[in-house]
Amino acid sequence: MTQTYYITTPIYYVNDVPHIGHAYTTIACDVLSRYYRSEGRDVRFGTGTDEHGIKIVKASADRNMTPRELADEVVIGFRDLWEFLNISNDDFIRTTEARHENRVQALVTKLVDADEIY
């Protein structure tokens, strides 16, 4: 059985355009992912954006946009930057995607059913 290495960046807020701090942490994760792959290891490298929260609501209101409109606009900058930097991520997850929402709902349900949260 092959051990899989899961490497992830923070999920970045979409309240503004990407900056050097986003690039720094993503490059660090990319370097680690490439190193493990060069050693023949199975790696899953994910990154993405957090499109919920008061920061997003305030930033979108300041721009006379909905939070989703702002997210749709800003996320392009993240994707473009990772492509420009030749980042080797396997997945880019947006917290507004149905696959993310469904997974979170399933996890919360499982935790409630196990009396782990209430």
N, C-alpha and C. Protein backbone atom coordinates (compact mmCIF):
# COMPACT_ATOMS: atom_id res chain seq x y z
N MET A 1 0.84 -1.18 0.00
CA MET A 1 0.00 0.00 0.00
C MET A 1 0.89 1.25 0.00
N THR A 2 0.67 2.10 -0.95
CA THR A 2 1.45 3.32 -1.09
C THR A 2 0.89 4.41 -0.17
N GLN A 3 1.80 5.06 0.54
CA GLN A 3 1.38 6.17 1.40
C GLN A 3 1.19 7.41 0.53
N THR A 4 0.06 8.07 0.71
CA THR A 4 -0.21 9.31 -0.01
C THR A 4 0.10 10.49 0.90
N TYR A 5 0.80 11.47 0.35
CA TYR A 5 1.11 12.70 1.07
C TYR A 5 0.12 13.77 0.64
N TYR A 6 -0.61 14.31 1.58
CA TYR A 6 -1.56 15.38 1.31
C TYR A 6 -0.94 16.70 1.74
N ILE A 7 -0.81 17.60 0.78
CA ILE A 7 -0.21 18.91 1.04
C ILE A 7 -1.22 19.95 0.62
N THR A 8 -1.44 20.93 1.48
CA THR A 8 -2.42 21.97 1.15
C THR A 8 -1.92 23.33 1.60
N THR A 9 -2.30 24.31 0.83
CA THR A 9 -2.08 25.70 1.22
C THR A 9 -3.22 26.10 2.15
N PRO A 10 -3.12 27.27 2.77
CA PRO A 10 -4.33 27.82 3.37
C PRO A 10 -5.36 28.00 2.24
N ILE A 11 -6.62 28.03 2.58
CA ILE A 11 -7.59 28.44 1.56
C ILE A 11 -7.70 29.96 1.69
N TYR A 12 -7.44 30.62 0.59
CA TYR A 12 -7.28 32.07 0.61
C TYR A 12 -8.61 32.81 0.51
N TYR A 13 -8.75 33.86 1.30
CA TYR A 13 -9.93 34.72 1.20
C TYR A 13 -9.92 35.45 -0.13
N VAL A 14 -11.10 35.68 -0.66
CA VAL A 14 -11.24 36.37 -1.95
C VAL A 14 -11.67 37.82 -1.77
N ASN A 15 -11.34 38.41 -0.62
CA ASN A 15 -11.72 39.80 -0.39
C ASN A 15 -10.86 40.78 -1.17
N ASP A 16 -9.74 40.30 -1.73
CA ASP A 16 -8.88 41.15 -2.54
C ASP A 16 -8.01 40.27 -3.43
N VAL A 17 -7.23 40.90 -4.28
CA VAL A 17 -6.39 40.17 -5.23
C VAL A 17 -5.26 39.43 -4.49
N PRO A 18 -4.70 38.41 -5.14
CA PRO A 18 -3.58 37.70 -4.53
C PRO A 18 -2.38 38.62 -4.31
N HIS A 19 -1.59 38.32 -3.27
CA HIS A 19 -0.40 39.13 -2.98
C HIS A 19 0.78 38.21 -2.70
N ILE A 20 1.92 38.80 -2.37
CA ILE A 20 3.16 38.04 -2.20
C ILE A 20 3.05 36.97 -1.12
N GLY A 21 2.28 37.21 -0.08
CA GLY A 21 2.10 36.20 0.97
C GLY A 21 1.41 34.95 0.45
N HIS A 22 0.42 35.14 -0.42
CA HIS A 22 -0.25 34.00 -1.04
C HIS A 22 0.75 33.21 -1.89
N ALA A 23 1.54 33.95 -2.67
CA ALA A 23 2.53 33.30 -3.54
C ALA A 23 3.55 32.53 -2.69
N TYR A 24 4.01 33.14 -1.61
CA TYR A 24 5.04 32.52 -0.77
C TYR A 24 4.57 31.16 -0.24
N THR A 25 3.40 31.12 0.36
CA THR A 25 2.94 29.86 0.96
C THR A 25 2.63 28.82 -0.12
N THR A 26 2.14 29.27 -1.26
CA THR A 26 1.83 28.33 -2.34
C THR A 26 3.11 27.77 -2.95
N ILE A 27 4.11 28.61 -3.12
CA ILE A 27 5.40 28.14 -3.64
C ILE A 27 6.03 27.15 -2.67
N ALA A 28 5.95 27.43 -1.37
CA ALA A 28 6.51 26.50 -0.38
C ALA A 28 5.84 25.13 -0.48
N CYS A 29 4.54 25.11 -0.62
CA CYS A 29 3.81 23.84 -0.77
C CYS A 29 4.17 23.16 -2.09
N ASP A 30 4.35 23.95 -3.13
CA ASP A 30 4.71 23.41 -4.43
C ASP A 30 6.09 22.75 -4.38
N VAL A 31 7.05 23.40 -3.72
CA VAL A 31 8.39 22.83 -3.59
C VAL A 31 8.33 21.49 -2.88
N LEU A 32 7.60 21.43 -1.78
CA LEU A 32 7.47 20.19 -1.03
C LEU A 32 6.81 19.10 -1.88
N SER A 33 5.76 19.47 -2.60
CA SER A 33 5.07 18.51 -3.47
C SER A 33 6.01 17.96 -4.54
N ARG A 34 6.75 18.84 -5.16
CA ARG A 34 7.68 18.41 -6.22
C ARG A 34 8.79 17.52 -5.65
N TYR A 35 9.26 17.86 -4.46
CA TYR A 35 10.30 17.03 -3.84
C TYR A 35 9.78 15.61 -3.61
N TYR A 36 8.62 15.49 -2.98
CA TYR A 36 8.07 14.15 -2.71
C TYR A 36 7.80 13.40 -4.01
N ARG A 37 7.30 14.08 -5.02
CA ARG A 37 7.07 13.42 -6.31
C ARG A 37 8.38 12.93 -6.91
N SER A 38 9.44 13.75 -6.79
CA SER A 38 10.74 13.35 -7.34
C SER A 38 11.30 12.11 -6.64
N GLU A 39 10.84 11.87 -5.42
CA GLU A 39 11.23 10.68 -4.66
C GLU A 39 10.32 9.49 -4.99
N GLY A 40 9.39 9.69 -5.92
CA GLY A 40 8.49 8.62 -6.33
C GLY A 40 7.29 8.43 -5.43
N ARG A 41 7.02 9.40 -4.60
CA ARG A 41 5.90 9.29 -3.66
C ARG A 41 4.60 9.81 -4.28
N ASP A 42 3.51 9.27 -3.79
CA ASP A 42 2.18 9.70 -4.23
C ASP A 42 1.80 10.97 -3.47
N VAL A 43 1.53 12.04 -4.21
CA VAL A 43 1.25 13.34 -3.60
C VAL A 43 -0.07 13.88 -4.13
N ARG A 44 -0.85 14.45 -3.24
CA ARG A 44 -2.05 15.20 -3.61
C ARG A 44 -1.87 16.60 -3.05
N PHE A 45 -1.76 17.57 -3.94
CA PHE A 45 -1.49 18.96 -3.56
C PHE A 45 -2.71 19.80 -3.90
N GLY A 46 -3.36 20.32 -2.88
CA GLY A 46 -4.55 21.12 -3.07
C GLY A 46 -4.38 22.56 -2.62
N THR A 47 -5.10 23.42 -3.26
CA THR A 47 -5.18 24.82 -2.88
C THR A 47 -6.59 25.28 -3.20
N GLY A 48 -6.90 26.51 -2.87
CA GLY A 48 -8.23 27.00 -3.18
C GLY A 48 -8.56 28.29 -2.46
N THR A 49 -9.84 28.60 -2.48
CA THR A 49 -10.29 29.87 -1.92
C THR A 49 -11.46 29.68 -0.96
N ASP A 50 -11.46 30.52 0.07
CA ASP A 50 -12.56 30.59 1.04
C ASP A 50 -13.43 31.77 0.62
N GLU A 51 -14.64 31.48 0.23
CA GLU A 51 -15.51 32.50 -0.35
C GLU A 51 -16.68 32.86 0.56
N HIS A 52 -16.49 32.63 1.86
CA HIS A 52 -17.51 32.95 2.85
C HIS A 52 -16.92 33.84 3.93
N GLY A 53 -17.76 34.53 4.64
CA GLY A 53 -17.30 35.30 5.79
C GLY A 53 -17.51 36.79 5.64
N ILE A 54 -17.37 37.46 6.76
CA ILE A 54 -17.64 38.90 6.82
C ILE A 54 -16.67 39.69 5.95
N LYS A 55 -15.41 39.22 5.84
CA LYS A 55 -14.45 39.92 4.97
C LYS A 55 -14.96 40.00 3.54
N ILE A 56 -15.54 38.92 3.07
CA ILE A 56 -16.02 38.86 1.69
C ILE A 56 -17.27 39.73 1.54
N VAL A 57 -18.16 39.67 2.52
CA VAL A 57 -19.38 40.48 2.49
C VAL A 57 -19.02 41.96 2.44
N LYS A 58 -18.10 42.39 3.30
CA LYS A 58 -17.71 43.80 3.33
C LYS A 58 -17.01 44.22 2.04
N ALA A 59 -16.08 43.40 1.57
CA ALA A 59 -15.35 43.75 0.35
C ALA A 59 -16.28 43.82 -0.86
N SER A 60 -17.23 42.91 -0.94
CA SER A 60 -18.16 42.94 -2.07
C SER A 60 -19.09 44.14 -1.98
N ALA A 61 -19.54 44.49 -0.79
CA ALA A 61 -20.40 45.67 -0.62
C ALA A 61 -19.65 46.94 -1.01
N ASP A 62 -18.37 47.02 -0.65
CA ASP A 62 -17.56 48.18 -1.02
C ASP A 62 -17.44 48.34 -2.53
N ARG A 63 -17.59 47.24 -3.25
CA ARG A 63 -17.47 47.26 -4.71
C ARG A 63 -18.83 47.19 -5.41
N ASN A 64 -19.90 47.30 -4.62
CA ASN A 64 -21.26 47.19 -5.17
C ASN A 64 -21.47 45.89 -5.95
N MET A 65 -20.99 44.80 -5.36
CA MET A 65 -21.10 43.48 -5.97
C MET A 65 -21.69 42.53 -4.94
N THR A 66 -22.18 41.39 -5.41
CA THR A 66 -22.55 40.32 -4.48
C THR A 66 -21.27 39.59 -4.08
N PRO A 67 -21.31 38.88 -2.96
CA PRO A 67 -20.13 38.09 -2.60
C PRO A 67 -19.72 37.10 -3.69
N ARG A 68 -20.69 36.48 -4.34
CA ARG A 68 -20.35 35.52 -5.40
C ARG A 68 -19.72 36.20 -6.61
N GLU A 69 -20.22 37.39 -6.96
CA GLU A 69 -19.62 38.13 -8.08
C GLU A 69 -18.17 38.47 -7.77
N LEU A 70 -17.92 38.93 -6.56
CA LEU A 70 -16.55 39.25 -6.16
C LEU A 70 -15.68 37.99 -6.21
N ALA A 71 -16.17 36.91 -5.64
CA ALA A 71 -15.41 35.66 -5.63
C ALA A 71 -15.09 35.20 -7.04
N ASP A 72 -16.08 35.22 -7.91
CA ASP A 72 -15.87 34.79 -9.29
C ASP A 72 -14.80 35.64 -9.99
N GLU A 73 -14.75 36.91 -9.65
CA GLU A 73 -13.76 37.80 -10.25
C GLU A 73 -12.36 37.57 -9.66
N VAL A 74 -12.27 37.53 -8.35
CA VAL A 74 -10.96 37.43 -7.69
C VAL A 74 -10.32 36.06 -7.89
N VAL A 75 -11.13 35.01 -7.95
CA VAL A 75 -10.57 33.67 -8.08
C VAL A 75 -9.80 33.52 -9.39
N ILE A 76 -10.16 34.27 -10.40
CA ILE A 76 -9.42 34.24 -11.67
C ILE A 76 -7.97 34.66 -11.44
N GLY A 77 -7.77 35.66 -10.59
CA GLY A 77 -6.42 36.11 -10.28
C GLY A 77 -5.58 35.04 -9.61
N PHE A 78 -6.21 34.27 -8.71
CA PHE A 78 -5.48 33.18 -8.07
C PHE A 78 -5.11 32.10 -9.08
N ARG A 79 -6.07 31.69 -9.88
CA ARG A 79 -5.79 30.65 -10.89
C ARG A 79 -4.71 31.12 -11.87
N ASP A 80 -4.83 32.35 -12.33
CA ASP A 80 -3.84 32.89 -13.27
C ASP A 80 -2.45 32.97 -12.65
N LEU A 81 -2.37 33.38 -11.38
CA LEU A 81 -1.08 33.48 -10.72
C LEU A 81 -0.44 32.10 -10.57
N TRP A 82 -1.22 31.10 -10.18
CA TRP A 82 -0.65 29.75 -10.02
C TRP A 82 -0.17 29.22 -11.36
N GLU A 83 -0.91 29.52 -12.42
CA GLU A 83 -0.47 29.09 -13.76
C GLU A 83 0.82 29.81 -14.14
N PHE A 84 0.89 31.11 -13.92
CA PHE A 84 2.09 31.90 -14.24
C PHE A 84 3.31 31.39 -13.47
N LEU A 85 3.11 31.02 -12.20
CA LEU A 85 4.21 30.53 -11.36
C LEU A 85 4.49 29.04 -11.58
N ASN A 86 3.72 28.41 -12.47
CA ASN A 86 3.88 26.98 -12.78
C ASN A 86 3.69 26.11 -11.53
N ILE A 87 2.71 26.46 -10.73
CA ILE A 87 2.39 25.70 -9.52
C ILE A 87 1.77 24.36 -9.95
N SER A 88 2.17 23.28 -9.26
CA SER A 88 1.79 21.93 -9.68
C SER A 88 0.63 21.34 -8.88
N ASN A 89 -0.29 22.19 -8.43
CA ASN A 89 -1.41 21.66 -7.63
C ASN A 89 -2.27 20.69 -8.43
N ASP A 90 -2.80 19.70 -7.71
CA ASP A 90 -3.68 18.71 -8.32
C ASP A 90 -5.14 19.16 -8.32
N ASP A 91 -5.47 20.06 -7.41
CA ASP A 91 -6.86 20.48 -7.30
C ASP A 91 -6.92 21.92 -6.80
N PHE A 92 -7.96 22.60 -7.23
CA PHE A 92 -8.25 23.96 -6.77
C PHE A 92 -9.70 23.94 -6.31
N ILE A 93 -9.90 24.14 -5.03
CA ILE A 93 -11.24 24.02 -4.45
C ILE A 93 -11.76 25.39 -4.04
N ARG A 94 -12.98 25.65 -4.44
CA ARG A 94 -13.68 26.87 -4.00
C ARG A 94 -14.74 26.44 -2.99
N THR A 95 -14.84 27.18 -1.90
CA THR A 95 -15.81 26.79 -0.87
C THR A 95 -17.25 27.00 -1.30
N THR A 96 -17.46 27.62 -2.44
CA THR A 96 -18.82 27.79 -2.97
C THR A 96 -19.19 26.67 -3.95
N GLU A 97 -18.28 25.77 -4.22
CA GLU A 97 -18.57 24.66 -5.13
C GLU A 97 -19.47 23.64 -4.44
N ALA A 98 -20.36 23.04 -5.21
CA ALA A 98 -21.28 22.04 -4.66
C ALA A 98 -20.51 20.87 -4.03
N ARG A 99 -19.43 20.44 -4.65
CA ARG A 99 -18.68 19.31 -4.10
C ARG A 99 -18.13 19.62 -2.71
N HIS A 100 -17.72 20.85 -2.48
CA HIS A 100 -17.23 21.24 -1.15
C HIS A 100 -18.40 21.32 -0.16
N GLU A 101 -19.46 22.00 -0.56
CA GLU A 101 -20.62 22.14 0.33
C GLU A 101 -21.19 20.78 0.72
N ASN A 102 -21.30 19.87 -0.25
CA ASN A 102 -21.84 18.53 0.03
C ASN A 102 -20.94 17.75 0.98
N ARG A 103 -19.64 17.87 0.80
CA ARG A 103 -18.70 17.15 1.67
C ARG A 103 -18.75 17.68 3.10
N VAL A 104 -18.83 18.99 3.25
CA VAL A 104 -18.92 19.58 4.59
C VAL A 104 -20.22 19.15 5.26
N GLN A 105 -21.32 19.19 4.54
CA GLN A 105 -22.60 18.78 5.11
C GLN A 105 -22.56 17.32 5.54
N ALA A 106 -21.95 16.45 4.73
CA ALA A 106 -21.85 15.03 5.09
C ALA A 106 -20.98 14.84 6.33
N LEU A 107 -19.90 15.58 6.42
CA LEU A 107 -19.02 15.47 7.58
C LEU A 107 -19.71 15.95 8.86
N VAL A 108 -20.41 17.07 8.78
CA VAL A 108 -21.12 17.58 9.96
C VAL A 108 -22.20 16.59 10.39
N THR A 109 -22.92 16.04 9.44
CA THR A 109 -23.95 15.04 9.75
C THR A 109 -23.33 13.84 10.46
N LYS A 110 -22.20 13.37 9.95
CA LYS A 110 -21.52 12.24 10.56
C LYS A 110 -21.09 12.56 12.00
N LEU A 111 -20.58 13.75 12.22
CA LEU A 111 -20.16 14.15 13.57
C LEU A 111 -21.35 14.28 14.52
N VAL A 112 -22.46 14.82 14.04
CA VAL A 112 -23.67 14.93 14.86
C VAL A 112 -24.19 13.53 15.20
N ASP A 113 -24.25 12.66 14.20
CA ASP A 113 -24.74 11.29 14.42
C ASP A 113 -23.87 10.53 15.43
N ALA A 114 -22.60 10.86 15.49
CA ALA A 114 -21.68 10.19 16.43
C ALA A 114 -21.60 10.92 17.77
N ASP A 115 -22.46 11.91 17.96
CA ASP A 115 -22.47 12.72 19.19
C ASP A 115 -21.11 13.39 19.46
N GLU A 116 -20.40 13.71 18.40
CA GLU A 116 -19.12 14.41 18.53
C GLU A 116 -19.33 15.92 18.60
N ILE A 117 -20.42 16.39 18.01
CA ILE A 117 -20.80 17.81 18.10
C ILE A 117 -22.31 17.87 18.30
N TYR A 118 -22.78 19.01 18.74
CA TYR A 118 -24.22 19.18 18.94
C TYR A 118 -24.60 20.59 18.64
